[in-house]
Amino acid sequence: MSYQNYVVAAYAVFVIVLTWDYVATKLQIRRELRGARLRASREAARPGKDAELSR
């Protein structure tokens, strides 16, 4: 009885999960950095507290 197929499948699943974990982390970091950049640009474009109101 050979367990080669089970071992190969286990390693394949391990590599797939490890790769997905890496990719998901990179995507999350990219999304958070984009959100921070957008938030910073909105805050920079916002007038100061002492600015006059206009219509």
Protein backbone atom coordinates (compact mmCIF):
# COMPACT_ATOMS: atom_id res chain seq x y z
CA MET A 1 0.00 0.00 0.00
CA SER A 2 1.47 3.34 -1.05
CA TYR A 3 0.68 6.65 0.56
CA GLN A 4 2.38 8.67 -2.14
CA ASN A 5 -0.85 10.12 -3.52
CA TYR A 6 -1.98 11.25 -0.07
CA VAL A 7 1.39 12.85 0.69
CA VAL A 8 1.47 14.65 -2.66
CA ALA A 9 -2.09 15.87 -2.14
CA ALA A 10 -1.27 17.08 1.37
CA TYR A 11 1.75 19.02 0.13
CA ALA A 12 -0.30 20.46 -2.74
CA VAL A 13 -3.00 21.66 -0.35
CA PHE A 14 -0.34 23.12 1.94
CA VAL A 15 1.27 25.05 -0.92
CA ILE A 16 -2.11 26.31 -2.16
CA VAL A 17 -3.13 27.52 1.30
CA LEU A 18 0.26 29.12 1.90
CA THR A 19 0.09 30.90 -1.46
CA TRP A 20 -3.45 32.10 -0.81
CA ASP A 21 -2.43 33.42 2.61
CA TYR A 22 0.44 35.37 1.01
CA VAL A 23 -1.73 36.79 -1.79
CA ALA A 24 -4.60 37.72 0.53
CA THR A 25 -2.21 39.54 2.85
CA LYS A 26 -0.67 41.48 -0.03
CA LEU A 27 -4.13 42.45 -1.30
CA GLN A 28 -5.21 43.60 2.16
CA ILE A 29 -2.06 45.70 2.58
CA ARG A 30 -2.60 47.27 -0.84
CA ARG A 31 -6.25 48.07 0.00
CA GLU A 32 -5.33 49.64 3.35
CA LEU A 33 -2.54 51.73 1.82
CA ARG A 34 -4.90 52.96 -0.90
CA GLY A 35 -7.47 53.90 1.73
CA ALA A 36 -4.85 55.78 3.74
CA ARG A 37 -3.69 57.68 0.64
CA LEU A 38 -7.27 58.61 -0.27
CA ARG A 39 -7.99 59.71 3.30
CA ALA A 40 -4.83 61.83 3.37
CA SER A 41 -5.69 63.49 0.06
CA ARG A 42 -9.23 64.26 1.29
CA GLU A 43 -7.87 65.78 4.48
CA ALA A 44 -5.31 67.83 2.55
CA ALA A 45 -8.01 69.16 0.21
CA ARG A 46 -10.31 70.10 3.08
CA PRO A 47 -10.20 73.79 4.01
CA GLY A 48 -8.72 74.71 7.36
CA LYS A 49 -10.73 75.44 10.48
CA ASP A 50 -10.25 79.20 10.10
CA ALA A 51 -11.32 79.34 6.46
CA GLU A 52 -14.27 81.52 5.56
CA LEU A 53 -17.47 79.81 4.53
CA SER A 54 -18.55 80.35 0.95
CA ARG A 55 -21.42 79.24 -1.20
